[in-house]
Amino acid sequence: MTKDLGSAREHYTKGDLRRATMADDPMQQFAKWLTEYSSLNRVDFNAMTVSTIGKDGYPHSRVVLLKGVEDNGFVFYTNYESDKGREMAAEPRVALTFFWPEMERQIRVEGLVEKIPEADSNAYFRERPRESQIGAWASPQSCEVDGENDLSDRYKAMVERFKSTNDIPRPPHWGGYIVRPKMIEFWQGRPSRLHDRFRYQLQADGVWSLHRLAP
């Protein structure tokens, strides 16, 4: 029998968020929060949900790892030919979500995604463990496969292919993206469900506006 979830609730008491203490630039505010969260040494503290729009009109979401924070965006890497890669090519409007329950915080991002320069993707690929490099060549991400043995055989074939080199090249179908935000929203849990919620919105002149929202 399905567990009754109606009574499942938490009382949020771990912090507050005040306009006077927030940065004028949301990327600086994000960097501050990320630093605070990373100090907890949580596994995959840089995990985020990436939501894209499919050809069917439905939003499609999955968790990936944030691999870079720049002044103007969030960087991650994936297979260009995966479902999300094809969806981002067709529709660059995407959303990111970070949920950090240990700090009772959530961050929502909406913006436009684009590929990063090939040189940057090459540089990051060279830093990856060899097993991950081979995996990028072996996995036809999002495609149907016959089973675990199929993937294992593909991996073994790539191990054989690159056995004589220490410098595995980046696959042409794999690389990085940057999400350039148009909106960033910060949420801090508070008692009585009167949560603190602030939204940054990028204006036409390139300046960020900031407003408090009702929770």
N, C-alpha and C. Protein backbone atom coordinates (compact mmCIF):
# COMPACT_ATOMS: atom_id res chain seq x y z
N MET A 1 0.84 -1.19 0.00
CA MET A 1 0.00 0.00 0.00
C MET A 1 0.88 1.25 0.00
N THR A 2 0.46 2.25 -0.75
CA THR A 2 1.23 3.48 -0.83
C THR A 2 1.22 4.21 0.51
N LYS A 3 2.39 4.64 0.92
CA LYS A 3 2.50 5.37 2.18
C LYS A 3 1.77 6.69 2.08
N ASP A 4 1.09 7.06 3.16
CA ASP A 4 0.41 8.35 3.21
C ASP A 4 1.45 9.46 3.29
N LEU A 5 1.52 10.29 2.27
CA LEU A 5 2.51 11.35 2.22
C LEU A 5 1.98 12.68 2.73
N GLY A 6 0.70 12.72 3.01
CA GLY A 6 0.10 13.98 3.43
C GLY A 6 0.68 14.53 4.72
N SER A 7 1.13 13.64 5.58
CA SER A 7 1.67 14.09 6.87
C SER A 7 3.18 14.25 6.85
N ALA A 8 3.81 13.98 5.70
CA ALA A 8 5.27 14.11 5.60
C ALA A 8 5.62 15.58 5.41
N ARG A 9 6.28 16.16 6.40
CA ARG A 9 6.63 17.57 6.31
C ARG A 9 7.82 17.88 7.20
N GLU A 10 8.50 18.95 6.86
CA GLU A 10 9.62 19.43 7.64
C GLU A 10 9.34 20.85 8.11
N HIS A 11 9.93 21.20 9.22
CA HIS A 11 9.83 22.57 9.73
C HIS A 11 11.17 23.24 9.45
N TYR A 12 11.15 24.22 8.55
CA TYR A 12 12.38 24.84 8.08
C TYR A 12 12.84 25.94 9.03
N THR A 13 14.04 25.76 9.57
CA THR A 13 14.52 26.69 10.59
C THR A 13 16.00 27.02 10.45
N LYS A 14 16.63 26.63 9.35
CA LYS A 14 18.09 26.69 9.27
C LYS A 14 18.66 28.00 8.75
N GLY A 15 17.81 28.93 8.38
CA GLY A 15 18.37 30.18 7.88
C GLY A 15 17.32 31.14 7.41
N ASP A 16 17.77 32.31 6.98
CA ASP A 16 16.87 33.28 6.37
C ASP A 16 17.63 33.98 5.25
N LEU A 17 16.91 34.77 4.49
CA LEU A 17 17.49 35.45 3.34
C LEU A 17 16.96 36.87 3.35
N ARG A 18 17.86 37.84 3.36
CA ARG A 18 17.49 39.24 3.46
C ARG A 18 18.05 40.02 2.28
N ARG A 19 17.25 40.93 1.74
CA ARG A 19 17.66 41.73 0.59
C ARG A 19 18.96 42.47 0.87
N ALA A 20 19.14 42.95 2.07
CA ALA A 20 20.32 43.76 2.39
C ALA A 20 21.62 42.97 2.29
N THR A 21 21.54 41.65 2.41
CA THR A 21 22.75 40.84 2.38
C THR A 21 22.99 40.17 1.03
N MET A 22 22.10 40.36 0.07
CA MET A 22 22.23 39.70 -1.21
C MET A 22 23.06 40.51 -2.18
N ALA A 23 23.82 39.81 -3.02
CA ALA A 23 24.66 40.47 -4.02
C ALA A 23 23.81 41.10 -5.11
N ASP A 24 24.32 42.14 -5.73
CA ASP A 24 23.61 42.76 -6.85
C ASP A 24 23.61 41.85 -8.06
N ASP A 25 24.64 41.03 -8.20
CA ASP A 25 24.76 40.09 -9.32
C ASP A 25 24.39 38.69 -8.83
N PRO A 26 23.41 38.04 -9.46
CA PRO A 26 22.99 36.71 -8.99
C PRO A 26 24.07 35.65 -9.11
N MET A 27 25.01 35.80 -10.05
CA MET A 27 26.08 34.81 -10.16
C MET A 27 27.00 34.88 -8.94
N GLN A 28 27.18 36.08 -8.38
CA GLN A 28 27.95 36.20 -7.15
C GLN A 28 27.19 35.59 -5.98
N GLN A 29 25.88 35.79 -5.96
CA GLN A 29 25.06 35.19 -4.91
C GLN A 29 25.10 33.67 -5.01
N PHE A 30 25.03 33.15 -6.25
CA PHE A 30 25.11 31.70 -6.44
C PHE A 30 26.45 31.16 -5.97
N ALA A 31 27.53 31.84 -6.34
CA ALA A 31 28.86 31.39 -5.94
C ALA A 31 28.98 31.33 -4.42
N LYS A 32 28.41 32.30 -3.74
CA LYS A 32 28.44 32.32 -2.28
C LYS A 32 27.71 31.11 -1.71
N TRP A 33 26.50 30.87 -2.21
CA TRP A 33 25.72 29.72 -1.71
C TRP A 33 26.40 28.40 -2.06
N LEU A 34 26.97 28.30 -3.26
CA LEU A 34 27.64 27.06 -3.65
C LEU A 34 28.83 26.78 -2.75
N THR A 35 29.59 27.81 -2.43
CA THR A 35 30.72 27.64 -1.52
C THR A 35 30.26 27.14 -0.16
N GLU A 36 29.18 27.72 0.33
CA GLU A 36 28.65 27.30 1.63
C GLU A 36 28.20 25.85 1.60
N TYR A 37 27.54 25.46 0.50
CA TYR A 37 27.04 24.09 0.41
C TYR A 37 28.19 23.10 0.22
N SER A 38 29.17 23.46 -0.60
CA SER A 38 30.29 22.55 -0.84
C SER A 38 31.08 22.30 0.44
N SER A 39 31.05 23.24 1.37
CA SER A 39 31.79 23.07 2.63
C SER A 39 31.21 21.97 3.50
N LEU A 40 29.99 21.53 3.18
CA LEU A 40 29.38 20.42 3.92
C LEU A 40 29.92 19.07 3.48
N ASN A 41 30.68 19.07 2.37
CA ASN A 41 31.29 17.85 1.83
C ASN A 41 30.24 16.79 1.48
N ARG A 42 29.16 17.22 0.88
CA ARG A 42 28.13 16.29 0.44
C ARG A 42 28.53 15.64 -0.88
N VAL A 43 28.13 14.40 -1.07
CA VAL A 43 28.39 13.71 -2.33
C VAL A 43 27.63 14.41 -3.45
N ASP A 44 28.31 14.65 -4.56
CA ASP A 44 27.69 15.31 -5.72
C ASP A 44 27.01 16.61 -5.32
N PHE A 45 27.71 17.43 -4.55
CA PHE A 45 27.16 18.72 -4.14
C PHE A 45 26.85 19.60 -5.35
N ASN A 46 27.49 19.32 -6.49
CA ASN A 46 27.30 20.10 -7.71
C ASN A 46 26.24 19.52 -8.64
N ALA A 47 25.41 18.62 -8.14
CA ALA A 47 24.35 18.05 -8.96
C ALA A 47 23.25 19.09 -9.22
N MET A 48 22.71 19.05 -10.41
CA MET A 48 21.60 19.95 -10.76
C MET A 48 20.68 19.24 -11.74
N THR A 49 19.44 19.65 -11.75
CA THR A 49 18.46 19.14 -12.70
C THR A 49 18.42 20.05 -13.91
N VAL A 50 18.60 19.46 -15.10
CA VAL A 50 18.51 20.20 -16.35
C VAL A 50 17.19 19.83 -17.02
N SER A 51 16.39 20.83 -17.33
CA SER A 51 15.11 20.60 -18.00
C SER A 51 15.14 21.21 -19.38
N THR A 52 14.78 20.40 -20.37
CA THR A 52 14.73 20.83 -21.75
C THR A 52 13.31 20.64 -22.27
N ILE A 53 13.04 21.14 -23.46
CA ILE A 53 11.72 21.02 -24.08
C ILE A 53 11.82 20.06 -25.26
N GLY A 54 11.04 18.99 -25.22
CA GLY A 54 11.07 18.00 -26.29
C GLY A 54 10.20 18.38 -27.46
N LYS A 55 10.35 17.65 -28.55
CA LYS A 55 9.51 17.88 -29.73
C LYS A 55 8.04 17.66 -29.43
N ASP A 56 7.76 16.84 -28.40
CA ASP A 56 6.38 16.59 -28.03
C ASP A 56 5.79 17.71 -27.19
N GLY A 57 6.59 18.74 -26.89
CA GLY A 57 6.11 19.87 -26.11
C GLY A 57 6.23 19.69 -24.61
N TYR A 58 6.60 18.48 -24.17
CA TYR A 58 6.74 18.22 -22.75
C TYR A 58 8.13 18.63 -22.26
N PRO A 59 8.23 19.10 -21.01
CA PRO A 59 9.55 19.31 -20.43
C PRO A 59 10.16 17.97 -20.05
N HIS A 60 11.45 17.81 -20.30
CA HIS A 60 12.18 16.60 -19.97
C HIS A 60 13.31 16.97 -19.00
N SER A 61 13.38 16.28 -17.86
CA SER A 61 14.34 16.64 -16.83
C SER A 61 15.23 15.46 -16.49
N ARG A 62 16.48 15.79 -16.12
CA ARG A 62 17.43 14.78 -15.67
C ARG A 62 18.51 15.48 -14.84
N VAL A 63 19.20 14.72 -14.00
CA VAL A 63 20.24 15.28 -13.13
C VAL A 63 21.60 15.12 -13.80
N VAL A 64 22.35 16.20 -13.86
CA VAL A 64 23.73 16.18 -14.36
C VAL A 64 24.59 16.93 -13.35
N LEU A 65 25.90 16.98 -13.60
CA LEU A 65 26.82 17.66 -12.68
C LEU A 65 27.27 19.00 -13.26
N LEU A 66 27.12 20.03 -12.47
CA LEU A 66 27.65 21.34 -12.82
C LEU A 66 29.17 21.25 -12.79
N LYS A 67 29.82 21.71 -13.87
CA LYS A 67 31.27 21.59 -13.96
C LYS A 67 31.99 22.94 -14.05
N GLY A 68 31.24 24.01 -14.06
CA GLY A 68 31.88 25.32 -14.09
C GLY A 68 30.87 26.42 -13.85
N VAL A 69 31.31 27.47 -13.14
CA VAL A 69 30.49 28.66 -12.93
C VAL A 69 31.30 29.85 -13.43
N GLU A 70 30.81 30.48 -14.47
CA GLU A 70 31.47 31.65 -15.03
C GLU A 70 30.67 32.90 -14.69
N ASP A 71 31.21 34.06 -15.05
CA ASP A 71 30.52 35.30 -14.74
C ASP A 71 29.15 35.37 -15.39
N ASN A 72 29.00 34.66 -16.51
CA ASN A 72 27.75 34.78 -17.26
C ASN A 72 27.07 33.44 -17.52
N GLY A 73 27.40 32.41 -16.71
CA GLY A 73 26.69 31.17 -16.97
C GLY A 73 27.18 29.95 -16.23
N PHE A 74 26.44 28.85 -16.45
CA PHE A 74 26.66 27.57 -15.79
C PHE A 74 27.09 26.55 -16.85
N VAL A 75 28.17 25.83 -16.60
CA VAL A 75 28.75 24.93 -17.59
C VAL A 75 28.55 23.47 -17.18
N PHE A 76 28.16 22.64 -18.13
CA PHE A 76 28.11 21.19 -17.94
C PHE A 76 28.46 20.51 -19.25
N TYR A 77 28.68 19.19 -19.18
CA TYR A 77 29.13 18.42 -20.35
C TYR A 77 28.21 17.23 -20.57
N THR A 78 28.05 16.86 -21.83
CA THR A 78 27.20 15.72 -22.16
C THR A 78 27.42 15.32 -23.61
N ASN A 79 26.66 14.31 -24.03
CA ASN A 79 26.70 13.83 -25.41
C ASN A 79 25.80 14.72 -26.27
N TYR A 80 26.36 15.31 -27.32
CA TYR A 80 25.58 16.17 -28.20
C TYR A 80 24.41 15.43 -28.85
N GLU A 81 24.56 14.10 -29.01
CA GLU A 81 23.53 13.32 -29.71
C GLU A 81 22.54 12.66 -28.75
N SER A 82 22.65 12.96 -27.46
CA SER A 82 21.68 12.44 -26.50
C SER A 82 20.34 13.15 -26.67
N ASP A 83 19.34 12.67 -25.96
CA ASP A 83 18.03 13.33 -26.03
C ASP A 83 18.15 14.80 -25.68
N LYS A 84 18.84 15.11 -24.58
CA LYS A 84 18.93 16.52 -24.18
C LYS A 84 19.75 17.32 -25.17
N GLY A 85 20.79 16.68 -25.77
CA GLY A 85 21.58 17.39 -26.77
C GLY A 85 20.76 17.78 -27.98
N ARG A 86 19.96 16.84 -28.46
CA ARG A 86 19.10 17.13 -29.62
C ARG A 86 18.03 18.16 -29.26
N GLU A 87 17.50 18.06 -28.05
CA GLU A 87 16.46 19.00 -27.64
C GLU A 87 17.02 20.41 -27.48
N MET A 88 18.24 20.53 -26.95
CA MET A 88 18.84 21.85 -26.81
C MET A 88 19.19 22.46 -28.15
N ALA A 89 19.55 21.62 -29.12
CA ALA A 89 19.84 22.12 -30.46
C ALA A 89 18.58 22.69 -31.12
N ALA A 90 17.44 22.06 -30.84
CA ALA A 90 16.19 22.50 -31.44
C ALA A 90 15.54 23.65 -30.68
N GLU A 91 15.73 23.67 -29.36
CA GLU A 91 15.10 24.69 -28.52
C GLU A 91 16.08 25.05 -27.39
N PRO A 92 16.72 26.22 -27.48
CA PRO A 92 17.77 26.56 -26.51
C PRO A 92 17.27 27.06 -25.17
N ARG A 93 15.97 27.21 -25.00
CA ARG A 93 15.45 27.65 -23.70
C ARG A 93 15.44 26.46 -22.74
N VAL A 94 16.16 26.60 -21.63
CA VAL A 94 16.29 25.51 -20.67
C VAL A 94 16.12 26.05 -19.25
N ALA A 95 16.00 25.12 -18.31
CA ALA A 95 15.91 25.47 -16.90
C ALA A 95 16.84 24.57 -16.09
N LEU A 96 17.39 25.12 -15.03
CA LEU A 96 18.21 24.38 -14.08
C LEU A 96 17.59 24.49 -12.70
N THR A 97 17.72 23.43 -11.91
CA THR A 97 17.25 23.46 -10.53
C THR A 97 18.30 22.84 -9.62
N PHE A 98 18.63 23.55 -8.55
CA PHE A 98 19.51 23.05 -7.51
C PHE A 98 18.68 22.92 -6.23
N PHE A 99 18.75 21.77 -5.58
CA PHE A 99 18.02 21.56 -4.32
C PHE A 99 19.00 21.06 -3.28
N TRP A 100 19.14 21.83 -2.21
CA TRP A 100 20.11 21.53 -1.16
C TRP A 100 19.37 21.39 0.17
N PRO A 101 18.78 20.22 0.43
CA PRO A 101 17.93 20.06 1.62
C PRO A 101 18.67 20.26 2.93
N GLU A 102 19.97 19.94 2.94
CA GLU A 102 20.72 20.10 4.19
C GLU A 102 20.75 21.56 4.65
N MET A 103 20.60 22.48 3.71
CA MET A 103 20.60 23.90 4.03
C MET A 103 19.22 24.52 3.82
N GLU A 104 18.25 23.67 3.43
CA GLU A 104 16.87 24.12 3.16
C GLU A 104 16.86 25.24 2.12
N ARG A 105 17.57 24.97 1.01
CA ARG A 105 17.69 25.96 -0.04
C ARG A 105 17.39 25.35 -1.42
N GLN A 106 16.88 26.19 -2.29
CA GLN A 106 16.65 25.82 -3.68
C GLN A 106 16.99 27.01 -4.56
N ILE A 107 17.54 26.70 -5.74
CA ILE A 107 17.84 27.74 -6.73
C ILE A 107 17.26 27.30 -8.06
N ARG A 108 16.51 28.19 -8.69
CA ARG A 108 15.96 27.95 -10.02
C ARG A 108 16.60 28.90 -11.02
N VAL A 109 16.93 28.36 -12.21
CA VAL A 109 17.55 29.15 -13.26
C VAL A 109 16.79 28.93 -14.56
N GLU A 110 16.55 30.00 -15.29
CA GLU A 110 16.00 29.91 -16.64
C GLU A 110 16.90 30.72 -17.57
N GLY A 111 17.20 30.16 -18.74
CA GLY A 111 18.06 30.88 -19.64
C GLY A 111 18.22 30.19 -20.98
N LEU A 112 19.21 30.64 -21.73
CA LEU A 112 19.49 30.11 -23.07
C LEU A 112 20.80 29.33 -23.02
N VAL A 113 20.81 28.17 -23.68
CA VAL A 113 21.98 27.30 -23.67
C VAL A 113 22.68 27.33 -25.02
N GLU A 114 23.99 27.20 -24.99
CA GLU A 114 24.77 27.11 -26.22
C GLU A 114 26.02 26.27 -25.95
N LYS A 115 26.62 25.75 -26.99
CA LYS A 115 27.85 24.99 -26.84
C LYS A 115 29.00 25.93 -26.46
N ILE A 116 29.92 25.43 -25.65
CA ILE A 116 31.12 26.19 -25.34
C ILE A 116 32.14 25.95 -26.46
N PRO A 117 33.20 26.77 -26.54
CA PRO A 117 34.22 26.56 -27.59
C PRO A 117 34.83 25.17 -27.52
N GLU A 118 35.18 24.61 -28.69
CA GLU A 118 35.76 23.27 -28.74
C GLU A 118 37.04 23.18 -27.91
N ALA A 119 37.82 24.24 -27.90
CA ALA A 119 39.07 24.21 -27.13
C ALA A 119 38.80 23.98 -25.65
N ASP A 120 37.72 24.57 -25.14
CA ASP A 120 37.36 24.39 -23.73
C ASP A 120 36.89 22.97 -23.47
N SER A 121 36.11 22.41 -24.40
CA SER A 121 35.67 21.03 -24.25
C SER A 121 36.86 20.08 -24.30
N ASN A 122 37.81 20.36 -25.21
CA ASN A 122 39.00 19.51 -25.30
C ASN A 122 39.80 19.54 -24.00
N ALA A 123 39.94 20.73 -23.42
CA ALA A 123 40.72 20.88 -22.20
C ALA A 123 40.08 20.10 -21.05
N TYR A 124 38.76 20.20 -20.94
CA TYR A 124 38.10 19.46 -19.87
C TYR A 124 38.18 17.96 -20.10
N PHE A 125 38.01 17.53 -21.35
CA PHE A 125 38.05 16.09 -21.65
C PHE A 125 39.39 15.49 -21.26
N ARG A 126 40.47 16.24 -21.46
CA ARG A 126 41.80 15.73 -21.12
C ARG A 126 41.95 15.53 -19.61
N GLU A 127 41.15 16.24 -18.80
CA GLU A 127 41.23 16.12 -17.35
C GLU A 127 40.45 14.93 -16.81
N ARG A 128 39.58 14.35 -17.63
CA ARG A 128 38.72 13.27 -17.16
C ARG A 128 39.51 11.98 -16.95
N PRO A 129 39.08 11.13 -16.03
CA PRO A 129 39.72 9.81 -15.89
C PRO A 129 39.64 9.04 -17.21
N ARG A 130 40.62 8.21 -17.45
CA ARG A 130 40.66 7.44 -18.70
C ARG A 130 39.39 6.62 -18.90
N GLU A 131 38.89 6.03 -17.82
CA GLU A 131 37.67 5.22 -17.93
C GLU A 131 36.49 6.07 -18.41
N SER A 132 36.41 7.31 -17.94
CA SER A 132 35.33 8.19 -18.38
C SER A 132 35.51 8.61 -19.83
N GLN A 133 36.75 8.82 -20.23
CA GLN A 133 37.02 9.16 -21.63
C GLN A 133 36.57 8.04 -22.55
N ILE A 134 36.91 6.81 -22.18
CA ILE A 134 36.51 5.66 -23.00
C ILE A 134 35.00 5.51 -22.99
N GLY A 135 34.38 5.75 -21.82
CA GLY A 135 32.93 5.65 -21.74
C GLY A 135 32.22 6.62 -22.66
N ALA A 136 32.80 7.81 -22.84
CA ALA A 136 32.19 8.79 -23.75
C ALA A 136 32.19 8.30 -25.19
N TRP A 137 33.22 7.53 -25.56
CA TRP A 137 33.27 6.94 -26.90
C TRP A 137 32.33 5.74 -27.00
N ALA A 138 32.18 4.99 -25.91
CA ALA A 138 31.46 3.72 -25.98
C ALA A 138 29.95 3.85 -25.91
N SER A 139 29.45 4.86 -25.21
CA SER A 139 28.01 4.94 -24.96
C SER A 139 27.26 5.74 -26.02
N PRO A 140 26.32 5.12 -26.73
CA PRO A 140 25.44 5.86 -27.64
C PRO A 140 24.27 6.44 -26.83
N GLN A 141 24.55 7.44 -26.06
CA GLN A 141 23.62 7.92 -25.04
C GLN A 141 22.21 8.16 -25.58
N SER A 142 21.23 7.67 -24.83
CA SER A 142 19.79 7.79 -25.11
C SER A 142 19.30 6.83 -26.18
N CYS A 143 20.21 6.08 -26.82
CA CYS A 143 19.79 5.11 -27.84
C CYS A 143 19.45 3.77 -27.17
N GLU A 144 18.56 3.02 -27.77
CA GLU A 144 18.22 1.70 -27.25
C GLU A 144 19.40 0.75 -27.47
N VAL A 145 19.66 -0.08 -26.48
CA VAL A 145 20.72 -1.09 -26.57
C VAL A 145 20.13 -2.45 -26.21
N ASP A 146 20.81 -3.50 -26.64
CA ASP A 146 20.28 -4.85 -26.43
C ASP A 146 20.37 -5.28 -24.97
N GLY A 147 21.33 -4.73 -24.23
CA GLY A 147 21.47 -5.11 -22.84
C GLY A 147 22.82 -4.71 -22.31
N GLU A 148 23.09 -5.13 -21.07
CA GLU A 148 24.35 -4.76 -20.43
C GLU A 148 25.55 -5.26 -21.22
N ASN A 149 25.42 -6.46 -21.81
CA ASN A 149 26.54 -7.01 -22.57
C ASN A 149 26.87 -6.16 -23.78
N ASP A 150 25.85 -5.56 -24.37
CA ASP A 150 26.07 -4.70 -25.52
C ASP A 150 26.98 -3.54 -25.14
N LEU A 151 26.67 -2.89 -24.01
CA LEU A 151 27.49 -1.77 -23.55
C LEU A 151 28.90 -2.24 -23.18
N SER A 152 28.96 -3.40 -22.51
CA SER A 152 30.27 -3.93 -22.13
C SER A 152 31.13 -4.20 -23.36
N ASP A 153 30.51 -4.77 -24.40
CA ASP A 153 31.25 -5.06 -25.63
C ASP A 153 31.74 -3.77 -26.29
N ARG A 154 30.88 -2.76 -26.27
CA ARG A 154 31.27 -1.47 -26.84
C ARG A 154 32.47 -0.89 -26.08
N TYR A 155 32.40 -1.00 -24.76
CA TYR A 155 33.47 -0.46 -23.93
C TYR A 155 34.79 -1.21 -24.19
N LYS A 156 34.70 -2.53 -24.25
CA LYS A 156 35.90 -3.33 -24.51
C LYS A 156 36.50 -3.00 -25.87
N ALA A 157 35.64 -2.75 -26.85
CA ALA A 157 36.13 -2.41 -28.18
C ALA A 157 36.90 -1.09 -28.15
N MET A 158 36.41 -0.13 -27.34
CA MET A 158 37.10 1.15 -27.25
C MET A 158 38.40 1.03 -26.44
N VAL A 159 38.40 0.19 -25.43
CA VAL A 159 39.64 -0.07 -24.70
C VAL A 159 40.71 -0.58 -25.67
N GLU A 160 40.31 -1.52 -26.53
CA GLU A 160 41.23 -2.08 -27.52
C GLU A 160 41.67 -1.01 -28.51
N ARG A 161 40.74 -0.17 -28.92
CA ARG A 161 41.04 0.86 -29.92
C ARG A 161 42.10 1.84 -29.42
N PHE A 162 42.01 2.19 -28.14
CA PHE A 162 42.91 3.21 -27.62
C PHE A 162 44.02 2.67 -26.72
N LYS A 163 44.26 1.36 -26.78
CA LYS A 163 45.23 0.76 -25.88
C LYS A 163 46.65 1.25 -26.09
N SER A 164 46.96 1.72 -27.29
CA SER A 164 48.33 2.11 -27.60
C SER A 164 48.58 3.61 -27.40
N THR A 165 47.62 4.34 -26.86
CA THR A 165 47.81 5.78 -26.67
C THR A 165 47.39 6.20 -25.27
N ASN A 166 48.08 7.17 -24.74
CA ASN A 166 47.70 7.77 -23.46
C ASN A 166 46.88 9.03 -23.64
N ASP A 167 46.76 9.45 -24.88
CA ASP A 167 46.05 10.69 -25.18
C ASP A 167 44.81 10.38 -26.01
N ILE A 168 43.72 10.09 -25.33
CA ILE A 168 42.47 9.77 -26.03
C ILE A 168 41.81 11.07 -26.47
N PRO A 169 41.49 11.20 -27.74
CA PRO A 169 40.87 12.45 -28.22
C PRO A 169 39.41 12.55 -27.77
N ARG A 170 38.93 13.76 -27.72
CA ARG A 170 37.51 13.97 -27.39
C ARG A 170 36.64 13.52 -28.55
N PRO A 171 35.60 12.74 -28.27
CA PRO A 171 34.69 12.35 -29.35
C PRO A 171 34.01 13.58 -29.95
N PRO A 172 33.80 13.62 -31.24
CA PRO A 172 33.14 14.78 -31.86
C PRO A 172 31.70 14.97 -31.40
N HIS A 173 31.11 13.92 -30.82
CA HIS A 173 29.72 14.00 -30.37
C HIS A 173 29.60 14.33 -28.89
N TRP A 174 30.67 14.77 -28.27
CA TRP A 174 30.66 15.01 -26.82
C TRP A 174 31.32 16.35 -26.52
N GLY A 175 30.72 17.12 -25.60
CA GLY A 175 31.33 18.39 -25.24
C GLY A 175 30.50 19.18 -24.25
N GLY A 176 30.86 20.45 -24.11
CA GLY A 176 30.27 21.26 -23.07
C GLY A 176 29.21 22.24 -23.56
N TYR A 177 28.38 22.65 -22.60
CA TYR A 177 27.35 23.67 -22.83
C TYR A 177 27.45 24.71 -21.72
N ILE A 178 27.01 25.91 -22.03
CA ILE A 178 26.86 26.93 -21.01
C ILE A 178 25.43 27.47 -21.05
N VAL A 179 24.82 27.55 -19.88
CA VAL A 179 23.49 28.14 -19.76
C VAL A 179 23.67 29.58 -19.31
N ARG A 180 23.26 30.50 -20.16
CA ARG A 180 23.35 31.92 -19.83
C ARG A 180 22.00 32.36 -19.25
N PRO A 181 21.98 32.69 -17.98
CA PRO A 181 20.69 32.90 -17.30
C PRO A 181 20.01 34.21 -17.68
N LYS A 182 18.67 34.13 -17.72
CA LYS A 182 17.81 35.30 -17.84
C LYS A 182 17.08 35.55 -16.53
N MET A 183 16.92 34.48 -15.75
CA MET A 183 16.26 34.56 -14.45
C MET A 183 16.93 33.60 -13.49
N ILE A 184 17.18 34.06 -12.27
CA ILE A 184 17.69 33.20 -11.21
C ILE A 184 16.90 33.50 -9.94
N GLU A 185 16.38 32.44 -9.34
CA GLU A 185 15.54 32.60 -8.15
C GLU A 185 16.15 31.83 -6.98
N PHE A 186 16.26 32.48 -5.84
CA PHE A 186 16.82 31.89 -4.62
C PHE A 186 15.70 31.70 -3.59
N TRP A 187 15.66 30.51 -3.03
CA TRP A 187 14.60 30.14 -2.06
C TRP A 187 15.26 29.60 -0.80
N GLN A 188 14.86 30.16 0.33
CA GLN A 188 15.34 29.71 1.63
C GLN A 188 14.15 29.33 2.49
N GLY A 189 14.12 28.08 2.96
CA GLY A 189 13.03 27.63 3.80
C GLY A 189 12.95 28.43 5.09
N ARG A 190 11.70 28.72 5.52
CA ARG A 190 11.47 29.46 6.76
C ARG A 190 10.31 28.84 7.52
N PRO A 191 10.19 29.12 8.82
CA PRO A 191 9.08 28.58 9.61
C PRO A 191 7.73 29.07 9.09
N SER A 192 6.70 28.29 9.37
CA SER A 192 5.30 28.61 9.01
C SER A 192 5.10 28.71 7.50
N ARG A 193 6.02 28.11 6.74
CA ARG A 193 5.96 28.12 5.28
C ARG A 193 6.03 29.54 4.71
N LEU A 194 6.53 30.49 5.49
CA LEU A 194 6.73 31.85 5.00
C LEU A 194 8.17 31.97 4.48
N HIS A 195 8.44 31.18 3.47
CA HIS A 195 9.80 31.05 2.95
C HIS A 195 10.28 32.36 2.32
N ASP A 196 11.60 32.57 2.38
CA ASP A 196 12.21 33.71 1.69
C ASP A 196 12.45 33.32 0.25
N ARG A 197 12.01 34.19 -0.66
CA ARG A 197 12.09 33.89 -2.09
C ARG A 197 12.39 35.18 -2.85
N PHE A 198 13.54 35.20 -3.52
CA PHE A 198 13.97 36.38 -4.27
C PHE A 198 14.27 35.98 -5.71
N ARG A 199 13.83 36.83 -6.63
CA ARG A 199 14.04 36.56 -8.05
C ARG A 199 14.83 37.68 -8.71
N TYR A 200 15.94 37.29 -9.35
CA TYR A 200 16.71 38.20 -10.20
C TYR A 200 16.20 38.03 -11.63
N GLN A 201 15.99 39.15 -12.33
CA GLN A 201 15.55 39.11 -13.72
C GLN A 201 16.46 40.01 -14.54
N LEU A 202 17.00 39.48 -15.63
CA LEU A 202 17.90 40.25 -16.48
C LEU A 202 17.09 41.22 -17.35
N GLN A 203 17.42 42.49 -17.27
CA GLN A 203 16.71 43.51 -18.03
C GLN A 203 17.36 43.73 -19.40
N ALA A 204 16.66 44.45 -20.26
CA ALA A 204 17.14 44.68 -21.62
C ALA A 204 18.48 45.41 -21.65
N ASP A 205 18.76 46.22 -20.62
CA ASP A 205 20.01 46.97 -20.58
C ASP A 205 21.15 46.20 -19.93
N GLY A 206 20.89 44.91 -19.63
CA GLY A 206 21.92 44.07 -19.05
C GLY A 206 22.05 44.15 -17.55
N VAL A 207 21.19 44.93 -16.92
CA VAL A 207 21.19 45.08 -15.46
C VAL A 207 20.19 44.11 -14.85
N TRP A 208 20.55 43.54 -13.71
CA TRP A 208 19.67 42.61 -13.01
C TRP A 208 18.74 43.36 -12.06
N SER A 209 17.45 43.07 -12.14
CA SER A 209 16.50 43.54 -11.14
C SER A 209 16.33 42.46 -10.09
N LEU A 210 15.92 42.84 -8.90
CA LEU A 210 15.75 41.87 -7.81
C LEU A 210 14.48 42.20 -7.04
N HIS A 211 13.63 41.20 -6.87
CA HIS A 211 12.37 41.38 -6.17
C HIS A 211 12.09 40.21 -5.25
N ARG A 212 11.47 40.52 -4.12
CA ARG A 212 11.00 39.46 -3.22
C ARG A 212 9.65 38.96 -3.73
N LEU A 213 9.46 37.64 -3.68
CA LEU A 213 8.20 37.03 -4.09
C LEU A 213 7.55 36.36 -2.89
N ALA A 214 6.22 36.27 -2.92
CA ALA A 214 5.52 35.49 -1.91
C ALA A 214 5.84 34.02 -2.12
N PRO A 215 5.96 33.27 -1.04
CA PRO A 215 6.34 31.87 -1.19
C PRO A 215 5.19 31.00 -1.74
